[in-house]
């Protein structure tokens, strides 16, 4: 089972732990995003013709990675089931049952993943794009040259143009939050 998971480029072994309680620190440190928990009686149950079960633990803080890992793990578990007991698969379903538990985002809600990035996009769009549009409009109308003749430095002009839109962007971010 472990060889099937690690034979491709999808999963790799980062660490081995003896208890399930030792997995969560690996998720918190970012070392692992998925953990395969194989109980001690797995081989005996498989050899005895009984349905063995394994548990796949996923780090749900990255919704996309967890969803992709869940899909790949299901395919790998089904393939291992077919190889181990091809005749019982047609009668009883998959002989290896996978139990999945997702840490940090159990429902795999995409809002926990997308909203923080959306705030950065809104702030960037409002602050940068509106400032660029304002400056380019003033250059087209010729009023920017008039600003350059004043005793104000070019940096102060740019900061003066960016600040109102930056504050407007912060208000937009607060509304999104």
Protein backbone atom coordinates (compact mmCIF):
# COMPACT_ATOMS: atom_id res chain seq x y z
CA UNK A 1 0.00 0.00 0.00
CA UNK A 2 2.77 2.43 0.91
CA UNK A 3 4.68 1.53 -2.26
CA UNK A 4 1.58 2.22 -4.32
CA UNK A 5 1.19 5.64 -2.76
CA UNK A 6 4.85 6.58 -3.22
CA UNK A 7 5.57 4.91 -6.58
CA UNK A 8 4.42 7.91 -8.61
CA UNK A 9 5.15 11.59 -8.23
CA UNK A 10 1.98 12.22 -6.26
CA UNK A 11 3.01 11.34 -2.71
CA UNK A 12 6.38 11.07 -0.99
CA UNK A 13 7.38 10.00 2.49
CA UNK A 14 8.50 12.98 4.59
CA UNK A 15 8.40 11.30 7.99
CA UNK A 16 7.24 8.13 9.74
CA UNK A 17 5.44 8.28 13.05
CA UNK A 18 4.23 5.51 15.34
CA UNK A 19 1.02 7.17 16.59
CA UNK A 20 -1.67 9.32 15.04
CA UNK A 21 -1.12 12.01 17.69
CA UNK A 22 2.31 12.73 16.20
CA UNK A 23 0.83 13.70 12.82
CA UNK A 24 -0.76 17.05 13.70
CA UNK A 25 2.59 18.74 14.52
CA UNK A 26 3.78 17.74 11.04
CA UNK A 27 0.77 19.53 9.55
CA UNK A 28 1.28 22.60 11.74
CA UNK A 29 4.95 22.89 10.78
CA UNK A 30 4.15 22.50 7.08
CA UNK A 31 6.28 19.37 6.69
CA UNK A 32 3.31 17.22 5.63
CA UNK A 33 -0.02 17.87 3.93
CA UNK A 34 -1.30 14.30 4.08
CA UNK A 35 -0.69 11.31 6.32
CA UNK A 36 -1.55 7.68 5.74
CA UNK A 37 -2.42 5.81 8.94
CA UNK A 38 -2.14 2.04 8.62
CA UNK A 39 -3.33 0.08 11.67
CA UNK A 40 -1.28 -2.81 13.05
CA UNK A 41 -3.84 -5.44 12.04
CA UNK A 42 -3.92 -4.28 8.40
CA UNK A 43 -1.83 -7.17 6.99
CA UNK A 44 -3.59 -9.82 9.11
CA UNK A 45 -7.02 -8.62 8.05
CA UNK A 46 -6.00 -8.50 4.40
CA UNK A 47 -4.46 -12.00 4.53
CA UNK A 48 -7.50 -13.34 6.36
CA UNK A 49 -9.86 -12.10 3.67
CA UNK A 50 -11.44 -9.50 5.96
CA UNK A 51 -11.82 -5.87 4.99
CA UNK A 52 -8.83 -3.88 6.27
CA UNK A 53 -9.13 -0.15 6.70
CA UNK A 54 -6.64 2.67 6.48
CA UNK A 55 -7.04 6.32 7.35
CA UNK A 56 -5.90 9.25 5.26
CA UNK A 57 -5.40 12.47 7.22
CA UNK A 58 -5.37 15.66 5.15
CA UNK A 59 -4.29 19.22 5.93
CA UNK A 60 -7.37 21.17 4.87
CA UNK A 61 -5.81 24.61 5.23
CA UNK A 62 -4.93 24.41 1.53
CA UNK A 63 -8.26 23.40 0.04
CA UNK A 64 -6.98 22.73 -3.49
CA UNK A 65 -4.13 20.47 -2.40
CA UNK A 66 -6.37 18.54 0.00
CA UNK A 67 -9.00 17.96 -2.69
CA UNK A 68 -6.43 16.78 -5.23
CA UNK A 69 -4.76 14.50 -2.64
CA UNK A 70 -8.16 13.08 -1.72
CA UNK A 71 -8.90 12.21 -5.33
CA UNK A 72 -5.51 10.62 -5.97
CA UNK A 73 -5.64 8.67 -2.71
CA UNK A 74 -9.01 7.23 -3.65
CA UNK A 75 -7.65 6.04 -7.00
CA UNK A 76 -4.55 4.50 -5.39
CA UNK A 77 -6.63 2.72 -2.71
CA UNK A 78 -8.97 1.32 -5.35
CA UNK A 79 -6.06 0.09 -7.48
CA UNK A 80 -4.44 -1.62 -4.48
CA UNK A 81 -7.80 -3.21 -3.67
CA UNK A 82 -8.11 -4.57 -7.20
CA UNK A 83 -4.61 -6.05 -7.10
CA UNK A 84 -5.02 -7.63 -3.66
CA UNK A 85 -8.43 -9.21 -4.13
CA UNK A 86 -9.65 -9.04 -7.73
CA UNK A 87 -12.44 -11.58 -7.28
CA UNK A 88 -13.93 -10.11 -4.12
CA UNK A 89 -13.99 -6.65 -5.68
CA UNK A 90 -16.75 -7.61 -8.07
CA UNK A 91 -18.84 -9.21 -5.30
CA UNK A 92 -18.45 -7.00 -2.27
CA UNK A 93 -16.93 -3.70 -3.39
CA UNK A 94 -13.44 -2.53 -2.51
CA UNK A 95 -11.73 -4.80 0.07
CA UNK A 96 -9.70 -1.90 1.46
CA UNK A 97 -11.82 0.87 2.91
CA UNK A 98 -10.31 4.31 3.28
CA UNK A 99 -11.46 6.59 6.08
CA UNK A 100 -10.62 10.24 5.43
CA UNK A 101 -10.21 12.92 8.07
CA UNK A 102 -9.34 16.50 7.17
CA UNK A 103 -7.55 18.75 9.66
CA UNK A 104 -7.95 22.56 9.91
CA UNK A 105 -10.70 22.79 7.24
CA UNK A 106 -12.91 19.70 7.62
CA UNK A 107 -15.52 20.82 5.11
CA UNK A 108 -12.85 21.76 2.53
CA UNK A 109 -14.59 25.13 2.13
CA UNK A 110 -12.93 27.18 -0.55
CA UNK A 111 -13.82 30.48 1.16
CA UNK A 112 -11.14 29.84 3.79
CA UNK A 113 -8.65 29.60 0.94
CA UNK A 114 -9.89 32.22 -1.52
CA UNK A 115 -11.01 35.18 0.61
CA UNK A 116 -7.55 36.10 1.97
CA UNK A 117 -6.17 36.16 -1.56
CA UNK A 118 -9.18 38.12 -2.78
CA UNK A 119 -8.46 40.93 -0.33
CA UNK A 120 -4.95 41.29 -1.72
CA UNK A 121 -6.29 41.36 -5.28
CA UNK A 122 -8.86 44.04 -4.41
CA UNK A 123 -6.26 46.18 -2.68
CA UNK A 124 -3.86 45.81 -5.61
CA UNK A 125 -6.48 46.55 -8.22
CA UNK A 126 -7.90 49.62 -6.55
CA UNK A 127 -4.64 51.16 -5.37
CA UNK A 128 -2.54 50.40 -8.42
CA UNK A 129 -4.96 50.51 -11.32
CA UNK A 130 -6.82 53.65 -10.30
CA UNK A 131 -3.56 55.46 -9.59
CA UNK A 132 -2.19 54.43 -12.97
CA UNK A 133 -5.37 55.59 -14.69
CA UNK A 134 -5.27 58.95 -12.92
CA UNK A 135 -1.60 59.58 -13.70
CA UNK A 136 -1.96 58.56 -17.35
CA UNK A 137 -5.00 60.82 -17.71
CA UNK A 138 -3.08 63.77 -16.27
CA UNK A 139 -0.16 63.06 -18.61
CA UNK A 140 -2.56 63.01 -21.60
CA UNK A 141 -4.16 66.31 -20.55
CA UNK A 142 -0.80 67.95 -19.88
CA UNK A 143 -1.50 68.77 -16.24
CA UNK A 144 1.32 66.50 -15.03
CA UNK A 145 3.92 68.89 -16.51
CA UNK A 146 2.32 71.69 -14.51
CA UNK A 147 2.70 69.60 -11.35
CA UNK A 148 6.39 69.02 -12.14
CA UNK A 149 7.00 72.80 -12.28
CA UNK A 150 5.80 73.24 -8.69
CA UNK A 151 8.31 72.99 -5.79
CA UNK A 152 6.90 69.54 -4.90
CA UNK A 153 9.26 66.61 -5.64
CA UNK A 154 8.25 63.80 -8.00
CA UNK A 155 8.14 61.31 -5.12
CA UNK A 156 5.72 63.55 -3.24
CA UNK A 157 3.51 63.78 -6.34
CA UNK A 158 3.41 60.00 -6.69
CA UNK A 159 2.73 59.50 -2.97
CA UNK A 160 -0.02 62.13 -3.18
CA UNK A 161 -1.59 60.26 -6.06
CA UNK A 162 -1.32 56.82 -4.41
CA UNK A 163 -2.52 57.66 -0.87
CA UNK A 164 -6.21 58.38 -1.63
CA UNK A 165 -6.57 55.18 -3.64
CA UNK A 166 -4.68 53.18 -1.03
CA UNK A 167 -7.11 54.39 1.63
CA UNK A 168 -10.02 53.59 -0.69
CA UNK A 169 -8.53 50.11 -1.16
CA UNK A 170 -8.30 49.62 2.61
CA UNK A 171 -11.98 50.54 2.95
CA UNK A 172 -12.79 47.97 0.23
CA UNK A 173 -10.73 45.32 2.04
CA UNK A 174 -12.57 46.05 5.30
CA UNK A 175 -15.88 45.67 3.47
CA UNK A 176 -14.74 42.31 2.05
CA UNK A 177 -13.63 41.10 5.48
